[in-house]
PDB file of N, CA and C in Angstrom:
ATOM      1  N   MET A   1       0.805 -14.027 -35.709  1.00  0.00           N
ATOM      2  CA  MET A   1       0.303 -12.680 -35.114  1.00  0.00           C
ATOM      3  C   MET A   1      -0.566 -13.317 -34.050  1.00  0.00           C
ATOM      4  N   ILE A   2      -1.096 -14.414 -33.933  1.00  0.00           N
ATOM      5  CA  ILE A   2      -1.871 -14.996 -33.110  1.00  0.00           C
ATOM      6  C   ILE A   2      -0.869 -15.338 -31.939  1.00  0.00           C
ATOM      7  N   GLY A   3       0.565 -15.778 -32.045  1.00  0.00           N
ATOM      8  CA  GLY A   3       1.457 -15.829 -31.204  1.00  0.00           C
ATOM      9  C   GLY A   3       1.649 -14.571 -30.424  1.00  0.00           C
ATOM     10  N   VAL A   4       1.711 -13.488 -30.941  1.00  0.00           N
ATOM     11  CA  VAL A   4       2.079 -12.139 -30.561  1.00  0.00           C
ATOM     12  C   VAL A   4       0.988 -11.488 -29.589  1.00  0.00           C
ATOM     13  N   GLU A   5      -0.353 -11.984 -29.932  1.00  0.00           N
ATOM     14  CA  GLU A   5      -1.526 -11.462 -29.097  1.00  0.00           C
ATOM     15  C   GLU A   5      -1.452 -12.423 -28.035  1.00  0.00           C
ATOM     16  N   ARG A   6      -1.131 -13.799 -27.892  1.00  0.00           N
ATOM     17  CA  ARG A   6      -1.193 -14.470 -26.887  1.00  0.00           C
ATOM     18  C   ARG A   6      -0.223 -14.161 -25.796  1.00  0.00           C
ATOM     19  N   ILE A   7       0.623 -13.656 -26.491  1.00  0.00           N
ATOM     20  CA  ILE A   7       2.202 -13.327 -25.551  1.00  0.00           C
ATOM     21  C   ILE A   7       1.685 -11.920 -24.892  1.00  0.00           C
ATOM     22  N   SER A   8       1.061 -10.908 -25.615  1.00  0.00           N
ATOM     23  CA  SER A   8       0.550  -9.983 -25.000  1.00  0.00           C
ATOM     24  C   SER A   8      -0.378  -9.942 -23.848  1.00  0.00           C
ATOM     25  N   SER A   9      -1.375 -10.828 -23.979  1.00  0.00           N
ATOM     26  CA  SER A   9      -2.238 -11.575 -23.275  1.00  0.00           C
ATOM     27  C   SER A   9      -1.849 -11.753 -21.976  1.00  0.00           C
ATOM     28  N   ASN A  10      -0.674 -12.714 -22.218  1.00  0.00           N
ATOM     29  CA  ASN A  10       0.011 -13.224 -21.073  1.00  0.00           C
ATOM     30  C   ASN A  10       0.550 -12.234 -20.079  1.00  0.00           C
ATOM     31  N   VAL A  11       1.245 -11.511 -20.763  1.00  0.00           N
ATOM     32  CA  VAL A  11       2.147 -10.340 -20.136  1.00  0.00           C
ATOM     33  C   VAL A  11       1.013  -9.402 -19.280  1.00  0.00           C
ATOM     34  N   GLU A  12       0.126  -9.186 -19.868  1.00  0.00           N
ATOM     35  CA  GLU A  12      -1.041  -8.192 -19.401  1.00  0.00           C
ATOM     36  C   GLU A  12      -1.744  -8.900 -18.266  1.00  0.00           C
ATOM     37  N   HIS A  13      -1.774  -9.987 -18.094  1.00  0.00           N
ATOM     38  CA  HIS A  13      -2.459 -10.985 -16.930  1.00  0.00           C
ATOM     39  C   HIS A  13      -1.430 -10.816 -16.012  1.00  0.00           C
ATOM     40  N   LEU A  14       0.011 -11.228 -16.291  1.00  0.00           N
ATOM     41  CA  LEU A  14       1.005 -11.301 -15.327  1.00  0.00           C
ATOM     42  C   LEU A  14       1.131  -9.633 -14.485  1.00  0.00           C
ATOM     43  N   TYR A  15       1.148  -8.528 -15.345  1.00  0.00           N
ATOM     44  CA  TYR A  15       1.239  -7.406 -14.841  1.00  0.00           C
ATOM     45  C   TYR A  15      -0.177  -7.161 -13.780  1.00  0.00           C
ATOM     46  N   ARG A  16      -1.236  -7.632 -14.308  1.00  0.00           N
ATOM     47  CA  ARG A  16      -2.607  -7.278 -13.343  1.00  0.00           C
ATOM     48  C   ARG A  16      -2.366  -8.379 -12.342  1.00  0.00           C
ATOM     49  N   ALA A  17      -1.959  -9.415 -12.345  1.00  0.00           N
ATOM     50  CA  ALA A  17      -2.365 -10.420 -11.367  1.00  0.00           C
ATOM     51  C   ALA A  17      -1.091 -10.347 -10.242  1.00  0.00           C
ATOM     52  N   ASN A  18       0.108  -9.938 -10.725  1.00  0.00           N
ATOM     53  CA  ASN A  18       1.281 -10.023  -9.730  1.00  0.00           C
ATOM     54  C   ASN A  18       1.750  -8.719  -9.466  1.00  0.00           C
ATOM     55  N   LEU A  19       2.019  -7.624 -10.551  1.00  0.00           N
ATOM     56  CA  LEU A  19       2.547  -6.170 -10.178  1.00  0.00           C
ATOM     57  C   LEU A  19       1.488  -5.218  -9.792  1.00  0.00           C
ATOM     58  N   LEU A  20       0.330  -5.243 -10.102  1.00  0.00           N
ATOM     59  CA  LEU A  20      -0.465  -4.499  -9.535  1.00  0.00           C
ATOM     60  C   LEU A  20      -0.703  -4.762  -7.696  1.00  0.00           C
ATOM     61  N   PRO A  21      -0.727  -5.936  -7.506  1.00  0.00           N
ATOM     62  CA  PRO A  21      -1.117  -6.173  -6.105  1.00  0.00           C
ATOM     63  C   PRO A  21       0.380  -5.610  -5.346  1.00  0.00           C
ATOM     64  N   LEU A  22       1.461  -5.899  -5.884  1.00  0.00           N
ATOM     65  CA  LEU A  22       2.631  -5.430  -5.221  1.00  0.00           C
ATOM     66  C   LEU A  22       2.845  -4.122  -5.118  1.00  0.00           C
ATOM     67  N   LYS A  23       2.497  -3.136  -6.157  1.00  0.00           N
ATOM     68  CA  LYS A  23       2.463  -2.010  -6.113  1.00  0.00           C
ATOM     69  C   LYS A  23       1.781  -1.232  -4.957  1.00  0.00           C
ATOM     70  N   GLU A  24       0.633  -1.843  -4.601  1.00  0.00           N
ATOM     71  CA  GLU A  24      -0.308  -1.450  -3.529  1.00  0.00           C
ATOM     72  C   GLU A  24       0.313  -1.923  -2.430  1.00  0.00           C
ATOM     73  N   LEU A  25       0.899  -3.037  -2.113  1.00  0.00           N
ATOM     74  CA  LEU A  25       1.651  -3.196  -1.070  1.00  0.00           C
ATOM     75  C   LEU A  25       2.907  -2.402  -0.750  1.00  0.00           C
ATOM     76  N   ASP A  26       3.587  -2.007  -1.758  1.00  0.00           N
ATOM     77  CA  ASP A  26       4.786  -1.273  -1.679  1.00  0.00           C
ATOM     78  C   ASP A  26       4.114   0.194  -1.436  1.00  0.00           C
ATOM     79  N   ARG A  27       3.106   0.500  -1.408  1.00  0.00           N
ATOM     80  CA  ARG A  27       2.615   1.879  -1.276  1.00  0.00           C
ATOM     81  C   ARG A  27       2.264   1.861   0.146  1.00  0.00           C
ATOM     82  N   ALA A  28       1.503   0.791   0.581  1.00  0.00           N
ATOM     83  CA  ALA A  28       1.273   0.822   2.093  1.00  0.00           C
ATOM     84  C   ALA A  28       2.475   0.788   3.080  1.00  0.00           C
ATOM     85  N   SER A  29       3.384   0.115   2.363  1.00  0.00           N
ATOM     86  CA  SER A  29       4.760   0.000   3.202  1.00  0.00           C
ATOM     87  C   SER A  29       5.387   0.797   3.140  1.00  0.00           C
ATOM     88  N   TYR A  30       5.365   1.732   2.227  1.00  0.00           N
ATOM     89  CA  TYR A  30       5.953   3.302   2.123  1.00  0.00           C
ATOM     90  C   TYR A  30       5.027   4.216   3.534  1.00  0.00           C
ATOM     91  N   LEU A  31       4.215   4.079   3.337  1.00  0.00           N
ATOM     92  CA  LEU A  31       3.351   5.122   4.016  1.00  0.00           C
ATOM     93  C   LEU A  31       3.428   4.420   5.770  1.00  0.00           C
ATOM     94  N   VAL A  32       3.414   3.227   5.967  1.00  0.00           N
ATOM     95  CA  VAL A  32       3.900   3.004   7.497  1.00  0.00           C
ATOM     96  C   VAL A  32       5.038   3.617   7.743  1.00  0.00           C
ATOM     97  N   GLN A  33       6.109   3.295   6.896  1.00  0.00           N
ATOM     98  CA  GLN A  33       7.461   3.862   7.479  1.00  0.00           C
ATOM     99  C   GLN A  33       7.410   5.518   7.518  1.00  0.00           C
ATOM    100  N   ARG A  34       6.846   6.084   6.539  1.00  0.00           N
ATOM    101  CA  ARG A  34       6.186   7.365   6.708  1.00  0.00           C
ATOM    102  C   ARG A  34       5.736   7.777   8.022  1.00  0.00           C
ATOM    103  N   ASN A  35       4.738   7.218   8.335  1.00  0.00           N
ATOM    104  CA  ASN A  35       4.212   7.553   9.716  1.00  0.00           C
ATOM    105  C   ASN A  35       5.099   6.998  10.812  1.00  0.00           C
ATOM    106  N   ARG A  36       5.873   6.501  10.726  1.00  0.00           N
ATOM    107  CA  ARG A  36       7.033   6.397  11.933  1.00  0.00           C
ATOM    108  C   ARG A  36       7.662   7.409  11.609  1.00  0.00           C
ATOM    109  N   VAL A  37       8.276   8.037  10.792  1.00  0.00           N
ATOM    110  CA  VAL A  37       9.105   9.256  10.725  1.00  0.00           C
ATOM    111  C   VAL A  37       8.199  10.576  11.053  1.00  0.00           C
ATOM    112  N   VAL A  38       7.009  10.571  10.772  1.00  0.00           N
ATOM    113  CA  VAL A  38       6.172  11.523  11.220  1.00  0.00           C
ATOM    114  C   VAL A  38       6.063  11.277  12.560  1.00  0.00           C
ATOM    115  N   VAL A  39       5.877  10.604  13.520  1.00  0.00           N
ATOM    116  CA  VAL A  39       5.750  10.141  14.903  1.00  0.00           C
ATOM    117  C   VAL A  39       7.039  10.679  15.424  1.00  0.00           C
ATOM    118  N   MET A  40       8.148  10.241  15.121  1.00  0.00           N
ATOM    119  CA  MET A  40       9.308  10.794  15.403  1.00  0.00           C
ATOM    120  C   MET A  40       9.388  12.281  15.427  1.00  0.00           C
ATOM    121  N   ASP A  41       9.054  12.626  14.237  1.00  0.00           N
ATOM    122  CA  ASP A  41       9.201  14.242  14.315  1.00  0.00           C
ATOM    123  C   ASP A  41       8.314  15.009  15.244  1.00  0.00           C
ATOM    124  N   MET A  42       7.085  14.412  15.329  1.00  0.00           N
ATOM    125  CA  MET A  42       6.144  14.894  16.379  1.00  0.00           C
ATOM    126  C   MET A  42       6.860  15.113  17.747  1.00  0.00           C
ATOM    127  N   LEU A  43       7.514  13.777  17.980  1.00  0.00           N
ATOM    128  CA  LEU A  43       8.092  13.930  19.371  1.00  0.00           C
ATOM    129  C   LEU A  43       9.374  14.705  19.592  1.00  0.00           C
ATOM    130  N   LEU A  44      10.040  14.815  18.331  1.00  0.00           N
ATOM    131  CA  LEU A  44      11.343  15.878  18.387  1.00  0.00           C
ATOM    132  C   LEU A  44      10.966  17.275  18.475  1.00  0.00           C
ATOM    133  N   ASN A  45       9.794  17.534  17.697  1.00  0.00           N
ATOM    134  CA  ASN A  45       9.426  18.927  17.412  1.00  0.00           C
ATOM    135  C   ASN A  45       7.906  18.982  17.684  1.00  0.00           C
ATOM    136  N   ALA A  46       7.726  19.231  19.147  1.00  0.00           N
ATOM    137  CA  ALA A  46       6.642  19.122  19.662  1.00  0.00           C
ATOM    138  C   ALA A  46       5.791  20.419  19.705  1.00  0.00           C
ATOM    139  N   SER A  47       6.065  21.513  18.877  1.00  0.00           N
ATOM    140  CA  SER A  47       5.281  22.537  18.712  1.00  0.00           C
ATOM    141  C   SER A  47       3.866  22.224  18.399  1.00  0.00           C
ATOM    142  N   ALA A  48       2.928  22.958  18.989  1.00  0.00           N
ATOM    143  CA  ALA A  48       1.456  22.809  18.540  1.00  0.00           C
ATOM    144  C   ALA A  48       1.339  22.729  17.003  1.00  0.00           C
ATOM    145  N   GLU A  49       1.954  23.638  16.255  1.00  0.00           N
ATOM    146  CA  GLU A  49       1.477  23.744  14.907  1.00  0.00           C
ATOM    147  C   GLU A  49       2.363  22.641  14.141  1.00  0.00           C
ATOM    148  N   ASN A  50       3.462  21.996  14.592  1.00  0.00           N
ATOM    149  CA  ASN A  50       3.967  21.111  14.202  1.00  0.00           C
ATOM    150  C   ASN A  50       3.281  19.586  14.419  1.00  0.00           C
ATOM    151  N   VAL A  51       3.021  19.508  15.625  1.00  0.00           N
ATOM    152  CA  VAL A  51       2.088  18.388  16.065  1.00  0.00           C
ATOM    153  C   VAL A  51       0.872  18.465  15.189  1.00  0.00           C
ATOM    154  N   LYS A  52       0.041  19.543  14.931  1.00  0.00           N
ATOM    155  CA  LYS A  52      -1.257  19.320  14.383  1.00  0.00           C
ATOM    156  C   LYS A  52      -0.925  19.366  12.771  1.00  0.00           C
ATOM    157  N   ARG A  53       0.160  19.734  12.047  1.00  0.00           N
ATOM    158  CA  ARG A  53       0.311  19.138  10.890  1.00  0.00           C
ATOM    159  C   ARG A  53       0.646  17.655  10.631  1.00  0.00           C
ATOM    160  N   ARG A  54       1.720  17.167  11.609  1.00  0.00           N
ATOM    161  CA  ARG A  54       1.879  15.859  11.488  1.00  0.00           C
ATOM    162  C   ARG A  54       0.827  15.101  11.783  1.00  0.00           C
ATOM    163  N   ALA A  55      -0.340  15.268  12.646  1.00  0.00           N
ATOM    164  CA  ALA A  55      -1.214  14.694  12.996  1.00  0.00           C
ATOM    165  C   ALA A  55      -2.303  14.277  11.589  1.00  0.00           C
ATOM    166  N   GLU A  56      -2.370  15.723  10.813  1.00  0.00           N
ATOM    167  CA  GLU A  56      -3.401  15.539   9.856  1.00  0.00           C
ATOM    168  C   GLU A  56      -2.779  14.744   8.859  1.00  0.00           C
ATOM    169  N   GLU A  57      -1.268  14.730   8.816  1.00  0.00           N
ATOM    170  CA  GLU A  57      -0.419  13.898   7.797  1.00  0.00           C
ATOM    171  C   GLU A  57      -0.653  12.283   8.116  1.00  0.00           C
ATOM    172  N   LEU A  58      -0.721  11.891   9.546  1.00  0.00           N
ATOM    173  CA  LEU A  58      -1.030  10.504   9.967  1.00  0.00           C
ATOM    174  C   LEU A  58      -2.407  10.162   9.491  1.00  0.00           C
ATOM    175  N   THR A  59      -3.226  11.065   9.590  1.00  0.00           N
ATOM    176  CA  THR A  59      -4.849  10.693   9.228  1.00  0.00           C
ATOM    177  C   THR A  59      -5.047  10.244   7.963  1.00  0.00           C
ATOM    178  N   ARG A  60      -4.299  11.343   6.967  1.00  0.00           N
ATOM    179  CA  ARG A  60      -4.196  11.068   5.507  1.00  0.00           C
ATOM    180  C   ARG A  60      -3.563   9.889   5.053  1.00  0.00           C
ATOM    181  N   ASN A  61      -2.320   9.294   5.935  1.00  0.00           N
ATOM    182  CA  ASN A  61      -1.376   8.158   5.529  1.00  0.00           C
ATOM    183  C   ASN A  61      -2.116   7.228   6.022  1.00  0.00           C
ATOM    184  N   SER A  62      -3.011   6.960   7.014  1.00  0.00           N
ATOM    185  CA  SER A  62      -3.585   6.164   7.710  1.00  0.00           C
ATOM    186  C   SER A  62      -4.794   5.526   6.656  1.00  0.00           C
ATOM    187  N   ALA A  63      -5.618   6.370   6.093  1.00  0.00           N
ATOM    188  CA  ALA A  63      -6.748   6.191   5.280  1.00  0.00           C
ATOM    189  C   ALA A  63      -5.905   5.768   3.834  1.00  0.00           C
ATOM    190  N   ALA A  64      -4.909   6.305   3.659  1.00  0.00           N
ATOM    191  CA  ALA A  64      -4.191   5.730   2.481  1.00  0.00           C
ATOM    192  C   ALA A  64      -3.466   4.385   2.359  1.00  0.00           C
ATOM    193  N   ILE A  65      -3.124   4.127   3.510  1.00  0.00           N
ATOM    194  CA  ILE A  65      -3.094   2.619   3.735  1.00  0.00           C
ATOM    195  C   ILE A  65      -4.124   1.658   3.755  1.00  0.00           C
ATOM    196  N   ASP A  66      -5.226   2.067   4.288  1.00  0.00           N
ATOM    197  CA  ASP A  66      -6.641   1.241   4.494  1.00  0.00           C
ATOM    198  C   ASP A  66      -6.883   1.090   2.947  1.00  0.00           C
ATOM    199  N   LYS A  67      -6.648   2.136   1.960  1.00  0.00           N
ATOM    200  CA  LYS A  67      -7.099   2.244   0.699  1.00  0.00           C
ATOM    201  C   LYS A  67      -6.185   0.923   0.120  1.00  0.00           C
ATOM    202  N   ALA A  68      -4.893   1.330  -0.020  1.00  0.00           N
ATOM    203  CA  ALA A  68      -3.987   0.518  -0.586  1.00  0.00           C
ATOM    204  C   ALA A  68      -4.320  -1.120  -0.256  1.00  0.00           C
ATOM    205  N   LEU A  69      -4.535  -1.326   1.122  1.00  0.00           N
ATOM    206  CA  LEU A  69      -4.584  -2.765   1.491  1.00  0.00           C
ATOM    207  C   LEU A  69      -5.702  -3.307   0.856  1.00  0.00           C
ATOM    208  N   GLY A  70      -6.818  -2.466   0.940  1.00  0.00           N
ATOM    209  CA  GLY A  70      -8.299  -2.828   0.202  1.00  0.00           C
ATOM    210  C   GLY A  70      -8.055  -3.287  -1.267  1.00  0.00           C
ATOM    211  N   THR A  71      -7.415  -2.354  -1.904  1.00  0.00           N
ATOM    212  CA  THR A  71      -6.841  -2.726  -3.377  1.00  0.00           C
ATOM    213  C   THR A  71      -6.251  -3.963  -3.533  1.00  0.00           C
ATOM    214  N   PHE A  72      -5.288  -4.224  -2.714  1.00  0.00           N
ATOM    215  CA  PHE A  72      -4.327  -5.312  -2.699  1.00  0.00           C
ATOM    216  C   PHE A  72      -5.198  -6.293  -2.623  1.00  0.00           C
ATOM    217  N   GLY A  73      -6.115  -6.375  -1.437  1.00  0.00           N
ATOM    218  CA  GLY A  73      -7.339  -7.629  -1.237  1.00  0.00           C
ATOM    219  C   GLY A  73      -7.726  -7.907  -2.420  1.00  0.00           C
ATOM    220  N   SER A  74      -8.362  -7.171  -3.233  1.00  0.00           N
ATOM    221  CA  SER A  74      -9.465  -7.261  -4.296  1.00  0.00           C
ATOM    222  C   SER A  74      -8.643  -7.749  -5.569  1.00  0.00           C
ATOM    223  N   LEU A  75      -7.454  -7.468  -5.565  1.00  0.00           N
ATOM    224  CA  LEU A  75      -6.523  -7.726  -6.898  1.00  0.00           C
ATOM    225  C   LEU A  75      -5.988  -9.181  -6.249  1.00  0.00           C
ATOM    226  N   SER A  76      -5.621  -9.526  -5.333  1.00  0.00           N
ATOM    227  CA  SER A  76      -5.145 -10.750  -4.977  1.00  0.00           C
ATOM    228  C   SER A  76      -5.876 -11.872  -4.847  1.00  0.00           C
ATOM    229  N   ARG A  77      -5.377 -13.038  -5.517  1.00  0.00           N
ATOM    230  CA  ARG A  77      -6.383 -14.149  -5.863  1.00  0.00           C
ATOM    231  C   ARG A  77      -5.805 -15.560  -4.748  1.00  0.00           C
ATOM    232  N   GLY A  78      -4.306 -15.359  -4.225  1.00  0.00           N
ATOM    233  CA  GLY A  78      -3.922 -16.321  -3.837  1.00  0.00           C
ATOM    234  C   GLY A  78      -4.105 -16.508  -2.258  1.00  0.00           C
ATOM    235  N   GLU A  79      -4.128 -17.845  -1.849  1.00  0.00           N
ATOM    236  CA  GLU A  79      -4.400 -17.939  -0.301  1.00  0.00           C
ATOM    237  C   GLU A  79      -3.589 -17.458   0.568  1.00  0.00           C
ATOM    238  N   ALA A  80      -1.872 -17.522  -0.005  1.00  0.00           N
ATOM    239  CA  ALA A  80      -0.926 -16.674   0.897  1.00  0.00           C
ATOM    240  C   ALA A  80      -1.351 -15.393   0.985  1.00  0.00           C
ATOM    241  N   GLU A  81      -1.435 -14.662  -0.436  1.00  0.00           N
ATOM    242  CA  GLU A  81      -1.871 -12.986  -0.287  1.00  0.00           C
ATOM    243  C   GLU A  81      -2.859 -12.918   0.740  1.00  0.00           C
ATOM    244  N   GLN A  82      -3.995 -13.670   0.602  1.00  0.00           N
ATOM    245  CA  GLN A  82      -5.332 -13.104   1.573  1.00  0.00           C
ATOM    246  C   GLN A  82      -4.711 -13.486   3.261  1.00  0.00           C
ATOM    247  N   ALA A  83      -4.014 -14.460   3.378  1.00  0.00           N
ATOM    248  CA  ALA A  83      -3.173 -14.577   4.690  1.00  0.00           C
ATOM    249  C   ALA A  83      -2.471 -13.541   5.075  1.00  0.00           C
ATOM    250  N   LEU A  84      -1.401 -12.884   4.269  1.00  0.00           N
ATOM    251  CA  LEU A  84      -0.648 -11.814   4.389  1.00  0.00           C
ATOM    252  C   LEU A  84      -1.774 -10.592   4.585  1.00  0.00           C
ATOM    253  N   LEU A  85      -2.732 -10.501   3.928  1.00  0.00           N
ATOM    254  CA  LEU A  85      -3.680  -9.441   4.169  1.00  0.00           C
ATOM    255  C   LEU A  85      -4.170  -9.344   5.592  1.00  0.00           C
ATOM    256  N   ILE A  86      -4.443 -10.437   6.059  1.00  0.00           N
ATOM    257  CA  ILE A  86      -5.356 -10.642   7.527  1.00  0.00           C
ATOM    258  C   ILE A  86      -4.326 -10.369   8.514  1.00  0.00           C
ATOM    259  N   GLN A  87      -3.040 -10.650   8.439  1.00  0.00           N
ATOM    260  CA  GLN A  87      -1.805 -10.429   9.214  1.00  0.00           C
ATOM    261  C   GLN A  87      -1.702  -8.847   9.266  1.00  0.00           C
ATOM    262  N   LEU A  88      -1.810  -8.285   7.956  1.00  0.00           N
ATOM    263  CA  LEU A  88      -1.368  -6.594   7.982  1.00  0.00           C
ATOM    264  C   LEU A  88      -2.627  -6.134   8.685  1.00  0.00           C
ATOM    265  N   ARG A  89      -3.803  -6.318   8.439  1.00  0.00           N
ATOM    266  CA  ARG A  89      -4.862  -5.663   9.171  1.00  0.00           C
ATOM    267  C   ARG A  89      -4.911  -5.693  10.524  1.00  0.00           C
ATOM    268  N   ASN A  90      -4.265  -6.980  11.346  1.00  0.00           N
ATOM    269  CA  ASN A  90      -4.211  -7.017  12.700  1.00  0.00           C
ATOM    270  C   ASN A  90      -3.299  -6.412  13.203  1.00  0.00           C
TER     271      ASN A  90
END
């Protein structure tokens, strides 16, 4: 029974230390790509209503990107991850 608890603890540690940071990084990556699509749509469909709606989406996405990167930074422990975070923020 102790072995099962140890394995469970190790799996939980791996999940928290490795997968949660990647999930946040994936979210930020998705939103960056989404912002590219939004900007293209603003250029191709330049009606005032569309530009306003897309500008609001860009603002929301940018805030969500900042939040995801902040969470990634708080969950990441390694030097490589912290260096990546610095590059992403610049």
